[in-house]
Amino acid sequence: MNILFTCSARKWGGNEAWVLHAADVMAKKHHCLLAYRKDEIGERFNIKKFQLPFHHEADLYTLARLVSIIKEHHIDIVVPTKRKDYFLAGIACKLTKAKNILILGIVRDLKNKGINELVYHRLADGIMVNAHMIKDVLLQSSYMKSKNIAVIPNGLFIDVNKIEAIEKKFDFTITSLGELSERKGFDFLITGFALFVSQNSIDNAGLIIIGTGGQLDALKELTRSLNIERLVTFTGFIKNPYPYLATSDIFALTSRNEGIPYATLEAALLDNAIITTRAGGVEEVLTHNQHCLFVEYGEEQSLADHLMHLYRDVPFRKKIACEAKSVAVEQFSLEKMEKEMIEFFRFVQQ
């Protein structure tokens, strides 16, 4: 099968990590190509690739190039991964014989009926999501059909032998990862962490936040106002965050909205105990007190209490970390993802 992935992202994130893993495993049995926008995305891929401008949904040059690539390489399936790509890939597929199968990794309410019906129904031959909650929300729109939406868990693999250790500055380290945006809830995490250290007179705990984004300055100011600046490290964007995840004790995801986030699964594979909000479909994978500790978004005292629990109870911390790792290994293999994707592709082609 000939498959074209498209990715108009400006920077690396969980969505882009999915594309990389999917392309890597699919390329073992199929002919895979990539159309991308930025060098920092394209440079990570070892498949045949094309750099396109992806200026906007009406970018006629990008549309023409996509049509040309589809025809020249006899593409069967186009897999767009960003909203801008959805439209361009959909039009390109209508002009060729390829099928357009979207990737949607976050809960999205299709409120704007006109444009969303065009993008997610008329121009899309299928949609792949990584959580049943995402599918359930999509099906609230009358034009969406259940058979056209496949729930396929993310696949991932980490070669731990290639991870270089880094110095651990604090005995107890919490790590978080993602775009520094309001949706990711880093302000909630920082405030909860501040309560944890102040209420319990903790001086050997540190918080590492990996990523960049528009909230960076505001988050730094928040750490200063809470008098925890020396305990919080903002690393900025890191191409390979695995050394940090491999040395931390806790991974905290405090988002308002997610699908099933890659970073949480990666952290679990690297032996982190998980604290997470009930964002997106994470409850479909992890169970409170067995694989993780759940916290309601905005409940800062509860977050502080969870951190203290894991700080004090090392056997429990190691137990839930081990259980979460088992889930990540068993349910999120690349081979399982590849098999289910190809089955869906073939169904859509019928």
Protein backbone atom coordinates (compact mmCIF):
# COMPACT_ATOMS: atom_id res chain seq x y z
CA MET A 1 0.00 0.00 0.00
CA ASN A 2 1.23 3.52 -0.81
CA ILE A 3 0.65 5.98 2.03
CA LEU A 4 1.27 9.73 2.20
CA PHE A 5 1.41 11.40 5.61
CA THR A 6 1.05 15.18 5.74
CA CYS A 7 2.16 17.40 8.61
CA SER A 8 1.97 21.20 8.44
CA ALA A 9 3.07 21.65 12.06
CA ARG A 10 5.52 24.44 12.87
CA LYS A 11 7.02 22.62 15.86
CA TRP A 12 7.36 19.16 17.36
CA GLY A 13 4.71 17.72 19.66
CA GLY A 14 2.74 14.59 20.46
CA ASN A 15 0.90 14.68 17.15
CA GLU A 16 4.18 14.77 15.26
CA ALA A 17 5.59 11.95 17.40
CA TRP A 18 2.60 9.85 16.34
CA VAL A 19 3.34 10.52 12.66
CA LEU A 20 6.98 9.51 13.14
CA HIS A 21 6.13 6.26 14.91
CA ALA A 22 3.36 5.42 12.44
CA ALA A 23 5.55 6.13 9.41
CA ASP A 24 8.43 4.09 10.84
CA VAL A 25 6.39 0.98 11.48
CA MET A 26 4.29 1.27 8.30
CA ALA A 27 7.40 1.70 6.15
CA LYS A 28 8.52 -1.83 7.05
CA LYS A 29 5.73 -3.29 4.90
CA HIS A 30 4.43 -0.37 2.84
CA HIS A 31 5.65 2.54 0.73
CA CYS A 32 5.38 5.63 2.94
CA LEU A 33 6.00 9.28 2.09
CA LEU A 34 5.78 12.54 4.00
CA ALA A 35 4.72 16.06 3.01
CA TYR A 36 5.87 18.48 5.71
CA ARG A 37 6.31 22.20 6.37
CA LYS A 38 9.22 22.84 8.75
CA ASP A 39 12.75 21.44 8.77
CA GLU A 40 12.54 20.54 12.46
CA ILE A 41 9.73 18.14 11.55
CA GLY A 42 11.08 16.71 8.31
CA GLU A 43 14.62 16.11 9.56
CA ARG A 44 13.44 13.36 11.90
CA PHE A 45 12.00 11.18 9.15
CA ASN A 46 13.93 8.65 7.08
CA ILE A 47 11.24 8.09 4.47
CA LYS A 48 10.92 9.92 1.13
CA LYS A 49 9.67 13.41 1.89
CA PHE A 50 8.60 16.67 0.30
CA GLN A 51 8.75 20.10 1.88
CA LEU A 52 5.67 22.17 1.01
CA PRO A 53 4.62 25.65 2.22
CA PHE A 54 1.18 24.76 3.67
CA HIS A 55 0.45 28.50 3.93
CA HIS A 56 -3.31 28.14 4.44
CA GLU A 57 -6.32 26.05 3.43
CA ALA A 58 -6.51 27.82 0.06
CA ASP A 59 -2.81 27.37 -0.76
CA LEU A 60 -3.10 26.40 -4.43
CA TYR A 61 0.60 25.64 -4.83
CA THR A 62 0.56 23.13 -1.95
CA LEU A 63 -2.66 21.64 -3.30
CA ALA A 64 -1.15 21.22 -6.77
CA ARG A 65 1.99 19.60 -5.34
CA LEU A 66 -0.08 17.20 -3.24
CA VAL A 67 -2.06 16.18 -6.32
CA SER A 68 1.18 15.68 -8.25
CA ILE A 69 2.73 13.55 -5.47
CA ILE A 70 -0.40 11.42 -5.17
CA LYS A 71 -0.48 10.75 -8.91
CA GLU A 72 3.26 10.22 -9.38
CA HIS A 73 3.59 7.79 -6.47
CA HIS A 74 0.20 6.09 -6.92
CA ILE A 75 -0.86 6.97 -3.39
CA ASP A 76 -3.71 4.90 -1.98
CA ILE A 77 -4.17 6.65 1.36
CA VAL A 78 -3.43 10.21 2.48
CA VAL A 79 -3.18 10.71 6.26
CA PRO A 80 -3.38 14.41 7.21
CA THR A 81 -2.63 15.26 10.83
CA LYS A 82 -3.46 18.98 11.25
CA ARG A 83 -6.62 21.00 10.55
CA LYS A 84 -5.00 22.82 7.63
CA ASP A 85 -3.91 19.50 6.15
CA TYR A 86 -7.41 18.05 6.45
CA PHE A 87 -8.81 20.46 3.90
CA LEU A 88 -5.92 20.39 1.43
CA ALA A 89 -5.61 16.61 1.58
CA GLY A 90 -9.37 16.25 1.19
CA ILE A 91 -9.45 18.36 -1.99
CA ALA A 92 -6.35 16.58 -3.36
CA CYS A 93 -8.00 13.21 -2.79
CA LYS A 94 -11.19 14.34 -4.50
CA LEU A 95 -9.07 15.24 -7.54
CA THR A 96 -7.38 11.83 -7.51
CA LYS A 97 -8.39 8.30 -6.54
CA ALA A 98 -6.73 8.39 -3.13
CA LYS A 99 -8.65 8.11 0.15
CA ASN A 100 -8.39 10.80 2.81
CA ILE A 101 -8.17 9.44 6.38
CA LEU A 102 -7.78 12.06 9.10
CA ILE A 103 -5.91 11.70 12.37
CA LEU A 104 -7.59 13.39 15.34
CA GLY A 105 -5.82 13.08 18.69
CA ILE A 106 -7.90 15.41 20.85
CA VAL A 107 -11.54 15.75 21.88
CA ARG A 108 -13.15 18.16 19.42
CA ASP A 109 -16.74 19.36 19.47
CA LEU A 110 -17.82 20.02 15.88
CA LYS A 111 -19.93 23.07 16.65
CA ASN A 112 -19.52 24.97 13.38
CA LYS A 113 -21.71 22.64 11.37
CA GLY A 114 -21.11 24.00 7.87
CA ILE A 115 -17.31 23.98 7.72
CA ASN A 116 -16.94 20.94 9.96
CA GLU A 117 -19.36 18.87 7.92
CA LEU A 118 -17.25 19.72 4.86
CA VAL A 119 -13.91 18.89 6.52
CA TYR A 120 -14.83 15.87 8.66
CA HIS A 121 -17.54 14.32 6.48
CA ARG A 122 -17.60 15.34 2.83
CA LEU A 123 -13.82 15.60 2.35
CA ALA A 124 -12.91 12.78 4.74
CA ASP A 125 -13.24 9.11 3.87
CA GLY A 126 -12.41 8.07 7.41
CA ILE A 127 -11.13 9.33 10.76
CA MET A 128 -8.69 7.64 13.14
CA VAL A 129 -8.79 8.61 16.83
CA ASN A 130 -6.88 7.22 19.81
CA ALA A 131 -9.67 7.26 22.40
CA HIS A 132 -13.33 6.24 22.49
CA MET A 133 -14.21 9.58 24.09
CA ILE A 134 -13.04 11.40 20.96
CA LYS A 135 -15.25 9.17 18.82
CA ASP A 136 -18.23 9.64 21.14
CA VAL A 137 -17.97 13.43 20.89
CA LEU A 138 -17.65 13.30 17.10
CA LEU A 139 -20.78 11.15 16.89
CA GLN A 140 -22.78 13.89 18.59
CA SER A 141 -22.80 15.56 15.15
CA SER A 142 -25.60 14.07 13.06
CA TYR A 143 -23.55 13.76 9.88
CA MET A 144 -20.84 11.60 11.48
CA LYS A 145 -21.08 7.83 11.00
CA SER A 146 -19.67 5.36 13.50
CA LYS A 147 -18.32 2.98 10.85
CA ASN A 148 -16.13 5.76 9.43
CA ILE A 149 -14.36 6.40 12.75
CA ALA A 150 -11.74 3.93 13.98
CA VAL A 151 -10.39 3.94 17.53
CA ILE A 152 -6.74 2.91 17.20
CA PRO A 153 -4.43 3.25 20.20
CA ASN A 154 -1.14 5.05 19.68
CA GLY A 155 1.85 2.82 19.13
CA LEU A 156 5.25 3.65 20.54
CA PHE A 157 8.64 2.17 21.31
CA ILE A 158 11.59 3.54 23.27
CA ASP A 159 15.05 2.00 23.02
CA VAL A 160 16.17 2.52 26.62
CA ASN A 161 19.71 1.42 25.74
CA LYS A 162 20.15 4.60 23.71
CA ILE A 163 19.10 6.99 26.48
CA GLU A 164 21.99 8.90 28.02
CA ALA A 165 21.66 9.60 31.72
CA ILE A 166 21.56 13.18 32.98
CA GLU A 167 22.37 14.55 36.41
CA LYS A 168 19.46 14.48 38.84
CA LYS A 169 19.45 17.79 40.71
CA PHE A 170 16.72 16.88 43.21
CA ASP A 171 16.06 13.65 45.09
CA PHE A 172 12.38 13.83 44.12
CA THR A 173 11.76 15.09 40.58
CA ILE A 174 8.47 15.82 38.82
CA THR A 175 8.59 16.25 35.06
CA SER A 176 6.00 17.61 32.67
CA LEU A 177 6.09 18.03 28.93
CA GLY A 178 4.15 19.92 26.28
CA GLU A 179 3.39 23.22 24.62
CA LEU A 180 3.28 26.04 27.14
CA SER A 181 -0.31 26.97 26.39
CA GLU A 182 -3.37 27.57 28.53
CA ARG A 183 -4.88 24.21 27.54
CA LYS A 184 -1.94 22.31 29.03
CA GLY A 185 -2.56 23.64 32.56
CA PHE A 186 1.03 24.31 33.62
CA ASP A 187 -0.14 27.13 35.89
CA PHE A 188 -2.25 24.59 37.78
CA LEU A 189 0.75 22.25 38.04
CA ILE A 190 3.07 24.99 39.32
CA THR A 191 0.57 26.17 41.93
CA GLY A 192 -0.07 22.64 43.16
CA PHE A 193 3.65 21.97 43.33
CA ALA A 194 4.15 25.18 45.33
CA LEU A 195 1.52 24.03 47.86
CA PHE A 196 3.24 20.65 48.13
CA VAL A 197 6.64 22.12 49.00
CA SER A 198 5.38 24.92 51.27
CA GLN A 199 2.88 22.92 53.31
CA ASN A 200 5.34 20.09 53.92
CA SER A 201 8.62 22.06 54.14
CA ILE A 202 10.05 20.11 51.20
CA ASP A 203 13.47 21.24 50.03
CA ASN A 204 14.65 18.28 47.94
CA ALA A 205 11.96 18.27 45.24
CA GLY A 206 12.16 19.85 41.81
CA LEU A 207 9.80 20.43 38.90
CA ILE A 208 11.07 20.25 35.33
CA ILE A 209 8.87 21.66 32.56
CA ILE A 210 9.91 20.70 29.03
CA GLY A 211 8.57 22.72 26.12
CA THR A 212 8.06 26.19 24.78
CA GLY A 213 5.08 28.40 24.05
CA GLY A 214 3.28 31.65 24.62
CA GLN A 215 2.82 31.21 28.36
CA LEU A 216 6.54 30.89 29.18
CA ASP A 217 7.01 34.38 30.63
CA ALA A 218 3.79 34.21 32.63
CA LEU A 219 4.72 30.81 34.06
CA LYS A 220 8.18 32.03 35.06
CA GLU A 221 6.61 35.01 36.80
CA LEU A 222 4.23 32.64 38.59
CA THR A 223 7.18 30.64 40.00
CA ARG A 224 8.75 33.89 41.24
CA SER A 225 5.53 35.05 42.89
CA LEU A 226 5.22 31.68 44.66
CA ASN A 227 8.87 31.78 45.76
CA ILE A 228 9.71 28.47 44.09
CA GLU A 229 11.84 29.80 41.24
CA ARG A 230 14.91 27.82 42.35
CA LEU A 231 12.90 24.58 42.36
CA VAL A 232 11.42 24.90 38.87
CA THR A 233 13.41 24.41 35.66
CA PHE A 234 12.11 25.49 32.25
CA THR A 235 14.22 23.62 29.70
CA GLY A 236 12.66 25.08 26.57
CA PHE A 237 12.16 22.80 23.58
CA ILE A 238 14.26 19.63 23.73
CA LYS A 239 14.48 17.38 20.71
CA ASN A 240 14.98 14.30 22.85
CA PRO A 241 13.26 14.56 26.28
CA TYR A 242 13.82 10.90 27.17
CA PRO A 243 16.90 11.49 29.39
CA TYR A 244 14.80 13.80 31.58
CA LEU A 245 11.88 11.36 31.72
CA ALA A 246 14.25 8.50 32.50
CA THR A 247 15.62 10.26 35.58
CA SER A 248 12.38 11.69 37.00
CA ASP A 249 10.16 10.05 39.61
CA ILE A 250 6.80 11.52 38.63
CA PHE A 251 5.28 12.59 35.33
CA ALA A 252 2.45 15.09 35.71
CA LEU A 253 -0.09 15.84 32.99
CA THR A 254 -2.44 18.63 34.05
CA SER A 255 -4.20 19.43 30.78
CA ARG A 256 -7.74 20.62 30.32
CA ASN A 257 -8.18 18.60 27.13
CA GLU A 258 -6.28 15.75 25.49
CA GLY A 259 -6.75 12.53 23.59
CA ILE A 260 -4.49 9.85 25.00
CA PRO A 261 -1.27 11.86 25.21
CA TYR A 262 1.96 10.36 23.92
CA ALA A 263 4.02 11.98 26.64
CA THR A 264 2.16 10.12 29.38
CA LEU A 265 2.73 6.76 27.70
CA GLU A 266 6.39 7.57 27.09
CA ALA A 267 6.85 8.56 30.72
CA ALA A 268 5.21 5.33 31.84
CA LEU A 269 7.59 3.31 29.67
CA LEU A 270 10.44 5.11 31.42
CA ASP A 271 9.24 4.08 34.90
CA ASN A 272 7.53 7.28 36.02
CA ALA A 273 4.59 7.25 38.40
CA ILE A 274 1.79 9.18 36.71
CA ILE A 275 -0.39 11.99 38.04
CA THR A 276 -2.92 13.16 35.46
CA THR A 277 -6.15 15.05 34.99
CA ARG A 278 -9.09 13.14 33.54
CA ALA A 279 -8.45 14.78 30.18
CA GLY A 280 -9.64 13.14 26.98
CA GLY A 281 -9.45 9.36 26.94
CA VAL A 282 -6.83 8.68 29.58
CA GLU A 283 -9.40 6.96 31.83
CA GLU A 284 -9.84 4.35 29.09
CA VAL A 285 -6.26 3.27 29.73
CA LEU A 286 -5.33 4.05 33.34
CA THR A 287 -7.14 3.36 36.62
CA HIS A 288 -6.88 5.51 39.73
CA ASN A 289 -4.70 4.00 42.47
CA GLN A 290 -3.70 1.13 40.20
CA HIS A 291 -1.85 2.76 37.30
CA CYS A 292 -1.89 6.43 38.27
CA LEU A 293 -3.38 9.09 40.50
CA PHE A 294 -6.12 11.21 38.96
CA VAL A 295 -6.65 14.83 39.90
CA GLU A 296 -9.51 17.11 38.87
CA TYR A 297 -8.37 20.12 36.90
CA GLY A 298 -7.94 23.15 39.15
CA GLU A 299 -7.96 21.26 42.46
CA GLU A 300 -4.56 22.49 43.61
CA GLN A 301 -4.76 21.06 47.13
CA SER A 302 -5.61 17.63 45.76
CA LEU A 303 -2.61 17.82 43.42
CA ALA A 304 -0.37 18.81 46.35
CA ASP A 305 -1.72 15.89 48.38
CA HIS A 306 -1.05 13.43 45.54
CA LEU A 307 2.52 14.67 45.25
CA MET A 308 3.00 14.24 48.99
CA HIS A 309 1.55 10.72 48.87
CA LEU A 310 4.04 9.68 46.19
CA TYR A 311 6.88 11.51 47.94
CA ARG A 312 6.32 9.62 51.19
CA ASP A 313 5.16 6.21 49.96
CA VAL A 314 7.97 4.96 47.73
CA PRO A 315 6.66 1.35 47.44
CA PHE A 316 3.27 2.62 46.24
CA ARG A 317 4.99 5.01 43.84
CA LYS A 318 6.99 2.17 42.33
CA LYS A 319 3.93 -0.09 42.18
CA ILE A 320 1.75 2.26 40.14
CA ALA A 321 4.72 3.12 37.91
CA CYS A 322 5.23 -0.60 37.20
CA GLU A 323 1.52 -1.13 36.49
CA ALA A 324 1.38 1.84 34.11
CA LYS A 325 4.45 0.59 32.28
CA SER A 326 2.82 -2.82 31.78
CA VAL A 327 -0.23 -1.17 30.23
CA ALA A 328 1.93 0.92 27.90
CA VAL A 329 3.90 -2.12 26.75
CA GLU A 330 0.89 -4.41 26.26
CA GLN A 331 -1.65 -2.06 24.71
CA PHE A 332 0.43 0.38 22.68
CA SER A 333 2.76 -1.66 20.51
CA LEU A 334 3.70 -0.33 17.09
CA GLU A 335 2.83 -3.67 15.48
CA LYS A 336 -0.70 -3.59 16.89
CA MET A 337 -1.19 -0.03 15.63
CA GLU A 338 0.08 -0.93 12.14
CA LYS A 339 -2.25 -3.94 11.89
CA GLU A 340 -5.32 -1.96 12.93
CA MET A 341 -4.48 0.98 10.67
CA ILE A 342 -4.11 -1.22 7.60
CA GLU A 343 -7.37 -3.01 8.40
CA PHE A 344 -9.13 0.37 8.54
CA PHE A 345 -7.44 1.59 5.35
CA ARG A 346 -8.67 -1.48 3.50
CA PHE A 347 -12.17 -1.06 4.89
CA VAL A 348 -12.27 2.56 3.65
CA GLN A 349 -11.06 1.48 0.20
CA GLN A 350 -13.98 -0.91 -0.27
